[in-house]
N, C-alpha and C. Protein backbone atom coordinates (compact mmCIF):
# COMPACT_ATOMS: atom_id res chain seq x y z
N MET A 1 0.84 -1.17 -0.02
CA MET A 1 -0.19 -0.12 -0.10
C MET A 1 0.75 1.08 -0.06
N PHE A 2 2.03 1.05 0.68
CA PHE A 2 2.68 2.37 0.75
C PHE A 2 3.50 2.97 -0.68
N THR A 3 3.87 1.89 -1.49
CA THR A 3 4.12 2.18 -2.61
C THR A 3 3.26 2.70 -3.63
N LEU A 4 1.94 2.39 -3.55
CA LEU A 4 0.95 3.10 -4.28
C LEU A 4 0.96 4.49 -3.71
N GLU A 5 0.82 4.54 -2.40
CA GLU A 5 0.83 6.17 -1.99
C GLU A 5 2.04 6.88 -2.15
N ALA A 6 3.04 6.41 -2.52
CA ALA A 6 4.40 6.91 -2.98
C ALA A 6 3.93 7.60 -4.38
N VAL A 7 3.68 6.61 -5.12
CA VAL A 7 3.46 6.66 -6.51
C VAL A 7 2.71 8.00 -6.85
N ILE A 8 1.64 7.88 -6.27
CA ILE A 8 0.34 9.01 -6.20
C ILE A 8 0.98 10.33 -5.83
N ALA A 9 1.89 10.35 -4.62
CA ALA A 9 2.49 11.60 -4.18
C ALA A 9 3.29 11.95 -5.04
N GLY A 10 4.10 11.18 -5.74
CA GLY A 10 5.20 11.53 -6.72
C GLY A 10 4.44 11.97 -7.98
N GLY A 11 3.49 11.62 -8.51
CA GLY A 11 2.96 11.91 -9.56
C GLY A 11 2.46 13.49 -9.57
N VAL A 12 1.78 13.86 -8.23
CA VAL A 12 1.19 14.77 -7.76
C VAL A 12 1.98 15.83 -7.67
N PHE A 13 3.31 15.77 -6.96
CA PHE A 13 4.27 16.54 -6.76
C PHE A 13 4.89 16.92 -8.65
N LEU A 14 5.00 15.94 -9.25
CA LEU A 14 5.58 16.19 -10.73
C LEU A 14 4.45 17.36 -11.64
N VAL A 15 3.45 17.02 -11.39
CA VAL A 15 2.04 17.87 -11.98
C VAL A 15 2.34 19.31 -11.37
N VAL A 16 2.29 19.42 -10.12
CA VAL A 16 2.20 20.50 -9.48
C VAL A 16 3.57 21.20 -9.73
N LEU A 17 4.70 20.79 -9.78
CA LEU A 17 6.10 21.27 -10.54
C LEU A 17 5.97 21.61 -11.73
N ALA A 18 5.20 20.86 -12.71
CA ALA A 18 5.32 21.49 -14.10
C ALA A 18 4.23 22.42 -14.43
N VAL A 19 3.25 22.57 -13.52
CA VAL A 19 2.17 23.76 -13.34
C VAL A 19 2.86 24.92 -13.35
N LEU A 20 3.90 25.02 -12.14
CA LEU A 20 4.47 26.02 -11.50
C LEU A 20 5.37 26.65 -12.54
N ALA A 21 6.22 25.40 -13.44
CA ALA A 21 7.44 26.03 -14.30
C ALA A 21 6.41 26.50 -15.30
N TRP A 22 5.42 26.11 -16.20
CA TRP A 22 4.68 26.67 -16.67
C TRP A 22 4.24 27.79 -16.78
N SER A 23 3.64 28.29 -15.31
CA SER A 23 3.24 29.58 -15.22
C SER A 23 4.27 30.69 -14.84
N LEU A 24 5.39 29.94 -14.33
CA LEU A 24 6.33 31.12 -14.54
C LEU A 24 7.20 31.20 -15.88
N LEU A 25 7.04 30.39 -16.59
CA LEU A 25 7.73 30.73 -18.11
C LEU A 25 6.54 31.53 -18.79
N ARG A 26 5.43 31.25 -18.74
CA ARG A 26 4.26 32.25 -19.26
C ARG A 26 4.48 33.51 -18.60
N ARG A 27 4.53 33.68 -17.46
CA ARG A 27 4.70 35.09 -16.95
C ARG A 27 5.91 35.73 -17.32
N HIS A 28 7.01 34.93 -17.51
CA HIS A 28 8.28 35.62 -18.02
C HIS A 28 7.92 36.17 -19.21
N ALA A 29 7.31 35.42 -20.02
CA ALA A 29 7.23 35.86 -21.40
C ALA A 29 6.42 36.78 -21.61
N ARG A 30 5.27 37.18 -20.74
CA ARG A 30 4.42 38.34 -20.78
C ARG A 30 3.50 38.35 -22.16
N THR A 31 3.13 37.19 -22.69
CA THR A 31 2.39 36.99 -23.74
C THR A 31 0.89 36.77 -23.53
N THR A 32 0.85 36.54 -22.06
CA THR A 32 -0.76 35.91 -22.00
C THR A 32 -1.64 37.36 -21.63
N LYS A 33 -3.19 37.55 -22.17
CA LYS A 33 -3.77 38.49 -21.87
C LYS A 33 -4.40 38.54 -20.61
N ARG A 34 -4.85 39.52 -20.14
CA ARG A 34 -5.36 39.75 -18.85
C ARG A 34 -6.85 38.85 -19.07
N SER A 35 -7.57 38.62 -20.06
CA SER A 35 -8.83 37.75 -19.89
C SER A 35 -8.65 36.43 -20.24
N GLU A 36 -7.55 35.66 -20.28
CA GLU A 36 -7.34 34.41 -20.28
C GLU A 36 -6.93 33.99 -18.87
N ARG A 37 -6.26 34.80 -18.07
CA ARG A 37 -5.96 34.18 -16.81
C ARG A 37 -7.01 33.52 -16.03
N PRO A 38 -8.26 34.30 -16.05
CA PRO A 38 -9.30 33.38 -15.24
C PRO A 38 -9.40 31.91 -15.43
N ARG A 39 -9.50 31.61 -17.13
CA ARG A 39 -9.60 30.15 -17.41
C ARG A 39 -8.28 29.41 -16.86
N VAL A 40 -7.32 29.80 -16.86
CA VAL A 40 -6.05 28.93 -16.59
C VAL A 40 -6.19 28.63 -14.97
N GLU A 41 -6.53 29.87 -14.19
CA GLU A 41 -6.94 29.62 -12.83
C GLU A 41 -8.16 28.44 -12.70
N ALA A 42 -9.13 28.76 -13.54
CA ALA A 42 -10.13 27.73 -13.19
C ALA A 42 -9.85 26.47 -13.51
N PHE A 43 -8.66 26.08 -14.48
CA PHE A 43 -8.23 24.75 -15.05
C PHE A 43 -7.38 24.06 -13.88
N TYR A 44 -6.65 25.04 -13.25
CA TYR A 44 -5.59 24.93 -11.85
C TYR A 44 -6.50 24.32 -10.71
N VAL A 45 -7.49 25.16 -10.44
CA VAL A 45 -8.38 24.56 -9.51
C VAL A 45 -9.40 23.55 -9.58
N GLY A 46 -9.49 23.31 -10.77
CA GLY A 46 -10.20 21.90 -10.83
C GLY A 46 -9.43 20.65 -10.97
N ALA A 47 -8.15 21.02 -11.25
CA ALA A 47 -7.15 20.06 -11.51
C ALA A 47 -6.88 19.64 -10.17
N LEU A 48 -6.26 20.51 -9.04
CA LEU A 48 -6.44 20.30 -7.73
C LEU A 48 -7.61 19.63 -7.04
N ALA A 49 -8.79 20.06 -7.19
CA ALA A 49 -10.05 19.33 -7.06
C ALA A 49 -10.11 18.04 -7.21
N ALA A 50 -9.88 17.94 -8.66
CA ALA A 50 -9.62 16.19 -9.07
C ALA A 50 -8.78 15.32 -8.18
N PHE A 51 -7.55 15.61 -7.84
CA PHE A 51 -6.39 15.26 -7.11
C PHE A 51 -7.05 15.02 -5.68
N ALA A 52 -7.64 15.96 -5.11
CA ALA A 52 -8.01 15.65 -3.81
C ALA A 52 -9.02 14.54 -3.79
N VAL A 53 -10.34 14.79 -4.82
CA VAL A 53 -11.10 13.73 -4.72
C VAL A 53 -10.38 12.26 -4.88
N PHE A 54 -9.85 12.25 -6.03
CA PHE A 54 -8.65 10.91 -6.03
C PHE A 54 -8.27 10.40 -4.86
N LEU A 55 -7.36 11.37 -4.11
CA LEU A 55 -6.85 10.94 -3.14
C LEU A 55 -7.82 10.61 -1.83
N VAL A 56 -8.80 11.18 -1.81
CA VAL A 56 -9.78 10.87 -0.48
C VAL A 56 -10.31 9.80 -0.98
N THR A 57 -10.78 9.22 -2.41
CA THR A 57 -11.61 7.89 -2.96
C THR A 57 -10.69 7.07 -2.51
């Protein structure tokens, strides 16, 4: 059981790390429009909620 939990935790860590790196690169490029940010934030919140539901289940 510990192995499954370690794999899930590692996957979540990699996804969060990838989202962080992507957002930093996007911010650095300054090519995003102001109206596009709420969609990105909504996607991020949805992904975190999905992970939380998966882990609780």
